[in-house]
Amino acid sequence: MEPNKVQSEGGLNVTLTIRLLMHGKEVGSIIGKKGETVKKMREESGARINISEGNCPERIVTITGPTDAIFKAFAMIAYKFEEDIINSMSNSPATSKPPVTLRLVVPASQCGSLIGKGGSKIKEMRESTGAQVQVAGDMLPNSTERAVTISGTPEAIIQCVKQICVVMLESPPKGATIPYRPKPASTPVIFSGGQAYTIQGQYAIPHPDQLTKLHQLAMQQTPFTPLGQTTPAFPGTYPRALLKFPSLCCLSSFPLLSDPGLDASPPASTHELTIPNDLIGCIIGRQGTKINEIRQMSGAQIKIANAMEGSSERQITITGTPANISLAQYLINARLTSEVTGMGTL
């Protein structure tokens, strides 16, 4: 887009900051391999493009610069998303191409101007650009901002963003704006062999020393409350089918032994599950090391039945408090997942 054309539309020749809300996959697309895509976008558009840090399901992408740079950056992002859609359709039976969708984050005090009296402004935007525009009714969590979703062709989106920028310049936000900050995702943690690991995708990454030290305390059954928790969080019981066909089940807050928040003497119970014979070895470990570790970490009694003639499964009986049983099931499932996916030694 030529700068003179941009400036002729509403006299835009100022510096703007526009915030976008993106899912992790979308962020990965615009970052590109080794950051090459976002670097190219910055260089070719002249806009500053910053991506919020943190292990969050959503990220904030902030685009700052003169209006012509802003619109070039938006165009590059919209065309990149369209390219992703086309590539995904090559492996899909779908015949109709879904629209490109971008989500702006806008101060709630400006949303009335975007909608217009009786919805007149937003209707005008839809009709003149061909884009679908939706303003969220509720504010984003812990903020005074709302999401404005724009869908359509890249060309329609760019035209719509231009009109939204004009409205935002004509109607500045009223009062203080509390910006939306996506909440970090809980990172699943597994402990094994005195070491803490976080799960990232299909890989187990050694975690910093702090969690490892906490795990070592738990191994000694030293009572304390998990970090960031006032009450313990335990995983639910996993169905038998999950243990036969394991997929990684994650704890966002790893429960540790003898937590003072637990009842003094919760009733003991028993839970049974079955494991395929060809996977029982990874649960037992060499000379029983793994099963003993699971017993020690969970505080549960775990008995593995002898192999029955003609049966392809072994029965495991877990006895203890509900917390002990849930933790033992989690650790068993983590061992099975490690074996099946080849994640490494856990």
Protein backbone atom coordinates (compact mmCIF):
# COMPACT_ATOMS: atom_id res chain seq x y z
CA MET A 1 0.00 0.00 0.00
CA GLU A 2 1.45 3.37 -1.04
CA PRO A 3 1.98 5.87 1.80
CA ASN A 4 0.18 8.70 -0.04
CA LYS A 5 -2.86 6.51 -0.55
CA VAL A 6 -2.91 5.57 3.11
CA GLN A 7 -2.65 9.19 4.20
CA SER A 8 -5.41 10.25 1.83
CA GLU A 9 -7.89 7.98 3.57
CA GLY A 10 -9.02 9.97 6.57
CA GLY A 11 -5.79 11.97 6.71
CA LEU A 12 -4.00 9.26 8.66
CA ASN A 13 -0.39 10.25 9.19
CA VAL A 14 0.09 9.53 12.89
CA THR A 15 1.73 6.82 14.96
CA LEU A 16 -0.61 4.11 16.24
CA THR A 17 -0.40 1.12 18.53
CA ILE A 18 -2.70 -1.79 17.73
CA ARG A 19 -2.93 -4.92 19.88
CA LEU A 20 -3.87 -8.34 18.52
CA LEU A 21 -4.85 -11.44 20.45
CA MET A 22 -3.51 -14.65 18.92
CA HIS A 23 -3.48 -18.34 19.74
CA GLY A 24 -0.15 -20.10 20.08
CA LYS A 25 -0.36 -21.67 16.61
CA GLU A 26 -1.02 -18.27 15.03
CA VAL A 27 1.92 -16.75 16.91
CA GLY A 28 4.16 -19.56 15.72
CA SER A 29 3.10 -18.85 12.15
CA ILE A 30 4.08 -15.20 12.21
CA ILE A 31 7.29 -15.84 14.12
CA GLY A 32 8.42 -18.45 11.62
CA LYS A 33 11.46 -20.68 11.73
CA LYS A 34 14.15 -19.05 13.90
CA GLY A 35 12.10 -15.83 13.87
CA GLU A 36 12.62 -15.29 10.15
CA THR A 37 8.98 -14.44 9.30
CA VAL A 38 8.47 -11.78 11.96
CA LYS A 39 11.88 -10.30 11.16
CA LYS A 40 10.85 -9.96 7.50
CA MET A 41 7.53 -8.38 8.53
CA ARG A 42 9.33 -5.82 10.68
CA GLU A 43 11.82 -4.93 7.96
CA GLU A 44 9.34 -4.71 5.08
CA SER A 45 6.55 -2.93 6.95
CA GLY A 46 8.66 -0.60 9.07
CA ALA A 47 6.39 -1.33 12.06
CA ARG A 48 7.53 -2.50 15.47
CA ILE A 49 6.02 -5.93 16.14
CA ASN A 50 6.33 -7.21 19.70
CA ILE A 51 5.00 -10.53 20.97
CA SER A 52 4.22 -10.98 24.66
CA GLU A 53 6.33 -13.45 26.58
CA GLY A 54 5.12 -16.38 28.59
CA ASN A 55 3.82 -19.90 28.24
CA CYS A 56 0.26 -18.84 27.48
CA PRO A 57 -2.44 -20.35 25.26
CA GLU A 58 -2.93 -16.81 23.97
CA ARG A 59 -0.38 -14.09 23.28
CA ILE A 60 -0.64 -10.37 22.66
CA VAL A 61 0.97 -9.10 19.45
CA THR A 62 1.56 -5.34 19.60
CA ILE A 63 2.08 -3.45 16.34
CA THR A 64 3.33 0.13 16.59
CA GLY A 65 4.30 2.65 13.90
CA PRO A 66 3.03 5.16 11.36
CA THR A 67 -0.28 4.22 9.83
CA ASP A 68 1.22 3.07 6.54
CA ALA A 69 3.57 0.74 8.43
CA ILE A 70 0.69 -0.55 10.56
CA PHE A 71 -1.39 -1.41 7.51
CA LYS A 72 1.54 -3.10 5.75
CA ALA A 73 2.15 -5.24 8.83
CA PHE A 74 -1.55 -6.15 9.01
CA ALA A 75 -1.53 -7.04 5.32
CA MET A 76 1.48 -9.33 5.77
CA ILE A 77 -0.12 -11.05 8.77
CA ALA A 78 -3.47 -11.49 7.00
CA TYR A 79 -1.85 -12.93 3.86
CA LYS A 80 0.31 -15.24 6.00
CA PHE A 81 -2.80 -16.59 7.74
CA GLU A 82 -4.49 -17.07 4.36
CA GLU A 83 -1.43 -19.00 3.18
CA ASP A 84 -1.70 -21.20 6.29
CA ILE A 85 -5.38 -21.87 5.54
CA ILE A 86 -4.61 -22.84 1.94
CA ASN A 87 -1.81 -25.17 3.09
CA SER A 88 -4.07 -26.83 5.66
CA MET A 89 -6.76 -27.40 3.02
CA SER A 90 -4.37 -29.42 0.87
CA ASN A 91 -4.63 -32.20 3.48
CA SER A 92 -8.34 -31.71 4.14
CA PRO A 93 -11.49 -32.83 2.33
CA ALA A 94 -13.00 -29.35 2.85
CA THR A 95 -13.83 -27.57 -0.38
CA SER A 96 -14.79 -24.08 0.83
CA LYS A 97 -11.99 -21.88 2.12
CA PRO A 98 -12.63 -20.50 5.61
CA PRO A 99 -12.09 -16.76 6.12
CA VAL A 100 -8.99 -15.24 7.65
CA THR A 101 -9.72 -14.12 11.21
CA LEU A 102 -7.91 -11.53 13.34
CA ARG A 103 -8.82 -10.41 16.85
CA LEU A 104 -8.06 -6.87 17.95
CA VAL A 105 -7.92 -5.90 21.61
CA VAL A 106 -9.67 -2.55 22.05
CA PRO A 107 -10.41 -0.47 25.18
CA ALA A 108 -14.05 -1.03 26.12
CA SER A 109 -14.63 2.74 26.26
CA GLN A 110 -14.01 2.92 22.49
CA CYS A 111 -16.26 0.02 21.54
CA GLY A 112 -19.41 2.14 21.62
CA SER A 113 -17.94 4.34 18.88
CA LEU A 114 -17.05 1.26 16.83
CA ILE A 115 -20.60 -0.06 17.11
CA GLY A 116 -22.30 3.31 16.55
CA LYS A 117 -25.81 4.38 17.45
CA GLY A 118 -28.11 1.43 16.95
CA GLY A 119 -25.21 -0.50 15.41
CA SER A 120 -24.97 1.92 12.49
CA LYS A 121 -21.17 2.21 12.42
CA ILE A 122 -20.40 -1.47 12.57
CA LYS A 123 -23.05 -2.13 9.92
CA GLU A 124 -21.41 0.47 7.69
CA MET A 125 -18.01 -1.20 8.16
CA ARG A 126 -19.39 -4.60 7.24
CA GLU A 127 -21.12 -3.30 4.12
CA SER A 128 -18.27 -1.12 2.84
CA THR A 129 -15.44 -3.63 3.43
CA GLY A 130 -17.14 -7.00 3.07
CA ALA A 131 -15.58 -8.15 6.35
CA GLN A 132 -17.48 -9.62 9.25
CA VAL A 133 -16.94 -7.58 12.43
CA GLN A 134 -18.00 -8.68 15.91
CA VAL A 135 -17.45 -6.73 19.13
CA ALA A 136 -17.44 -8.95 22.22
CA GLY A 137 -20.11 -8.08 24.78
CA ASP A 138 -17.90 -8.89 27.76
CA MET A 139 -14.54 -7.47 28.69
CA LEU A 140 -11.52 -9.74 28.61
CA PRO A 141 -10.60 -11.16 32.05
CA ASN A 142 -9.04 -8.74 34.55
CA SER A 143 -9.02 -5.89 32.05
CA THR A 144 -11.09 -3.03 30.62
CA GLU A 145 -10.60 -4.23 27.04
CA ARG A 146 -12.80 -6.17 24.64
CA ALA A 147 -12.00 -8.39 21.68
CA VAL A 148 -13.04 -7.18 18.22
CA THR A 149 -13.06 -10.07 15.76
CA ILE A 150 -12.63 -9.37 12.03
CA SER A 151 -13.13 -12.13 9.45
CA GLY A 152 -12.94 -12.12 5.67
CA THR A 153 -10.44 -11.94 2.86
CA PRO A 154 -7.09 -10.27 3.61
CA GLU A 155 -8.17 -7.28 1.49
CA ALA A 156 -11.43 -6.89 3.41
CA ILE A 157 -9.63 -7.18 6.75
CA ILE A 158 -7.10 -4.49 5.82
CA GLN A 159 -9.85 -2.08 4.76
CA CYS A 160 -11.78 -2.81 7.94
CA VAL A 161 -8.72 -2.21 10.14
CA LYS A 162 -8.24 1.17 8.44
CA GLN A 163 -11.78 2.19 9.29
CA ILE A 164 -11.41 0.98 12.88
CA CYS A 165 -8.21 3.03 13.24
CA VAL A 166 -10.03 6.15 12.05
CA VAL A 167 -12.78 5.62 14.64
CA MET A 168 -10.26 5.00 17.43
CA LEU A 169 -8.37 8.19 16.55
CA GLU A 170 -11.59 10.21 16.50
CA SER A 171 -12.81 8.71 19.81
CA PRO A 172 -9.87 8.29 22.23
CA PRO A 173 -10.34 5.97 25.21
CA LYS A 174 -12.00 7.48 28.28
CA GLY A 175 -10.37 7.00 31.65
CA ALA A 176 -7.62 4.54 32.51
CA THR A 177 -7.33 1.35 30.47
CA ILE A 178 -6.39 -1.86 32.21
CA PRO A 179 -4.75 -3.93 29.45
CA TYR A 180 -5.59 -7.58 29.00
CA ARG A 181 -2.73 -9.91 29.89
CA PRO A 182 -3.24 -13.56 28.95
CA LYS A 183 -2.92 -15.89 31.90
CA PRO A 184 0.09 -18.22 31.74
CA ALA A 185 -0.71 -21.83 31.06
CA SER A 186 0.10 -24.30 33.80
CA THR A 187 3.15 -26.29 32.80
CA PRO A 188 2.78 -30.01 33.50
CA VAL A 189 5.47 -31.39 35.74
CA ILE A 190 6.77 -34.93 36.22
CA PHE A 191 9.26 -35.97 38.87
CA SER A 192 11.57 -38.93 38.42
CA GLY A 193 14.92 -40.05 39.70
CA GLY A 194 15.23 -37.01 41.94
CA GLN A 195 14.79 -34.65 38.97
CA ALA A 196 11.83 -32.47 37.97
CA TYR A 197 10.80 -32.34 34.30
CA THR A 198 8.34 -30.10 32.47
CA ILE A 199 6.47 -31.44 29.46
CA GLN A 200 6.79 -29.37 26.30
CA GLY A 201 5.05 -30.98 23.38
CA GLN A 202 6.35 -34.53 23.19
CA TYR A 203 9.52 -33.87 25.15
CA ALA A 204 10.46 -33.90 28.83
CA ILE A 205 12.72 -30.96 29.67
CA PRO A 206 14.70 -30.92 32.96
CA HIS A 207 13.19 -28.23 35.17
CA PRO A 208 15.15 -25.65 37.19
CA ASP A 209 16.61 -26.69 40.53
CA GLN A 210 13.83 -25.24 42.68
CA LEU A 211 11.25 -27.87 41.72
CA THR A 212 13.82 -30.62 41.94
CA LYS A 213 14.61 -29.59 45.51
CA LEU A 214 10.90 -29.55 46.35
CA HIS A 215 10.58 -33.02 44.91
CA GLN A 216 13.45 -34.24 47.07
CA LEU A 217 11.64 -32.85 50.10
CA ALA A 218 8.54 -34.73 49.04
CA MET A 219 10.56 -37.93 48.76
CA GLN A 220 11.48 -37.45 52.40
CA GLN A 221 7.76 -36.88 53.14
CA THR A 222 8.41 -33.38 54.43
CA PRO A 223 5.03 -31.65 54.74
CA PHE A 224 4.48 -28.39 52.86
CA THR A 225 1.97 -26.77 50.55
CA PRO A 226 2.69 -26.75 46.79
CA LEU A 227 3.93 -23.43 45.44
CA GLY A 228 1.19 -21.01 44.51
CA GLN A 229 -1.50 -23.19 46.07
CA THR A 230 -3.45 -22.71 49.27
CA THR A 231 -5.26 -25.99 48.77
CA PRO A 232 -3.89 -29.05 47.00
CA ALA A 233 -5.05 -29.97 43.53
CA PHE A 234 -5.19 -33.62 42.59
CA PRO A 235 -5.85 -35.22 39.22
CA GLY A 236 -9.05 -37.09 38.77
CA THR A 237 -9.04 -40.85 38.49
CA TYR A 238 -8.01 -41.96 35.03
CA PRO A 239 -10.23 -44.46 33.23
CA ARG A 240 -8.93 -47.92 32.55
CA ALA A 241 -8.99 -47.31 28.80
CA LEU A 242 -6.58 -44.42 29.23
CA LEU A 243 -4.05 -46.69 30.84
CA LYS A 244 -4.42 -49.21 28.06
CA PHE A 245 -4.02 -46.52 25.43
CA PRO A 246 -2.08 -43.87 27.29
CA SER A 247 -1.85 -40.23 26.48
CA LEU A 248 -0.06 -37.81 28.73
CA CYS A 249 -2.22 -36.59 31.60
CA CYS A 250 -0.85 -33.45 33.20
CA LEU A 251 -0.84 -31.99 36.70
CA SER A 252 -0.69 -28.24 36.81
CA SER A 253 0.07 -28.38 40.53
CA PHE A 254 1.94 -31.46 41.55
CA PRO A 255 0.53 -32.79 44.85
CA LEU A 256 3.15 -33.74 47.40
CA LEU A 257 3.05 -36.09 50.34
CA SER A 258 1.68 -35.27 53.78
CA ASP A 259 0.23 -31.94 52.72
CA PRO A 260 -1.08 -30.09 55.80
CA GLY A 261 -4.15 -29.02 53.85
CA LEU A 262 -5.37 -32.62 53.70
CA ASP A 263 -7.62 -34.23 56.25
CA ALA A 264 -5.68 -35.79 59.10
CA SER A 265 -6.82 -39.31 58.31
CA PRO A 266 -8.71 -39.60 55.03
CA PRO A 267 -10.20 -43.05 54.51
CA ALA A 268 -8.15 -45.55 52.55
CA SER A 269 -9.64 -47.11 49.46
CA THR A 270 -8.61 -49.50 46.70
CA HIS A 271 -8.50 -49.01 42.96
CA GLU A 272 -7.76 -51.61 40.31
CA LEU A 273 -6.53 -51.17 36.78
CA THR A 274 -5.12 -53.36 34.05
CA ILE A 275 -1.93 -52.93 32.06
CA PRO A 276 -0.97 -54.79 28.87
CA ASN A 277 1.72 -57.43 29.51
CA ASP A 278 4.08 -55.86 27.01
CA LEU A 279 4.06 -52.58 28.97
CA ILE A 280 4.27 -53.90 32.52
CA GLY A 281 8.06 -53.91 32.40
CA CYS A 282 8.26 -50.13 32.12
CA ILE A 283 6.10 -49.84 35.25
CA ILE A 284 8.20 -52.29 37.29
CA GLY A 285 11.61 -51.17 36.08
CA ARG A 286 14.90 -53.01 36.50
CA GLN A 287 14.81 -54.97 39.76
CA GLY A 288 11.60 -53.15 40.70
CA THR A 289 13.20 -49.69 40.84
CA LYS A 290 10.40 -47.86 39.02
CA ILE A 291 7.47 -49.37 40.91
CA ASN A 292 9.28 -48.72 44.21
CA GLU A 293 9.80 -45.10 43.16
CA ILE A 294 6.09 -44.74 42.33
CA ARG A 295 5.21 -46.25 45.72
CA GLN A 296 7.51 -43.86 47.53
CA MET A 297 6.39 -40.77 45.62
CA SER A 298 2.67 -41.48 45.85
CA GLY A 299 2.54 -42.99 49.34
CA ALA A 300 0.22 -45.70 47.99
CA GLN A 301 0.52 -49.45 48.30
CA ILE A 302 0.79 -50.95 44.84
CA LYS A 303 0.53 -54.66 44.08
CA ILE A 304 1.03 -56.19 40.65
CA ALA A 305 -0.68 -59.53 40.12
CA ASN A 306 1.18 -62.45 38.60
CA ALA A 307 0.66 -63.10 34.90
CA MET A 308 -2.38 -65.28 34.24
CA GLU A 309 -2.13 -68.00 31.63
CA GLY A 310 -3.82 -66.93 28.40
CA SER A 311 -4.26 -63.33 29.55
CA SER A 312 -2.63 -60.40 27.76
CA GLU A 313 -3.02 -58.10 30.77
CA ARG A 314 -1.80 -57.76 34.34
CA GLN A 315 -3.87 -56.37 37.17
CA ILE A 316 -2.53 -53.61 39.40
CA THR A 317 -4.16 -52.89 42.76
CA ILE A 318 -3.55 -49.49 44.35
CA THR A 319 -4.47 -48.90 47.99
CA GLY A 320 -4.35 -45.61 49.89
CA THR A 321 -6.10 -42.29 50.25
CA PRO A 322 -7.82 -40.84 47.18
CA ALA A 323 -4.88 -38.47 46.85
CA ASN A 324 -2.36 -41.33 47.02
CA ILE A 325 -4.30 -43.33 44.44
CA SER A 326 -4.68 -40.42 42.03
CA LEU A 327 -0.99 -39.60 42.25
CA ALA A 328 0.00 -43.25 41.74
CA GLN A 329 -2.25 -43.44 38.66
CA TYR A 330 -0.71 -40.27 37.28
CA LEU A 331 2.83 -41.59 37.74
CA ILE A 332 1.93 -44.93 36.17
CA ASN A 333 0.36 -43.17 33.19
CA ALA A 334 3.45 -40.97 32.84
CA ARG A 335 5.63 -44.10 32.70
CA LEU A 336 3.38 -45.64 30.04
CA THR A 337 3.39 -42.45 28.00
CA SER A 338 7.16 -42.30 28.21
CA GLU A 339 7.40 -45.86 26.91
CA VAL A 340 4.90 -45.42 24.08
CA THR A 341 6.03 -41.99 22.83
CA GLY A 342 9.74 -42.50 23.47
CA MET A 343 9.94 -39.24 25.39
CA GLY A 344 13.01 -40.29 27.27
CA THR A 345 13.79 -41.68 30.66
CA LEU A 346 11.25 -40.53 33.20
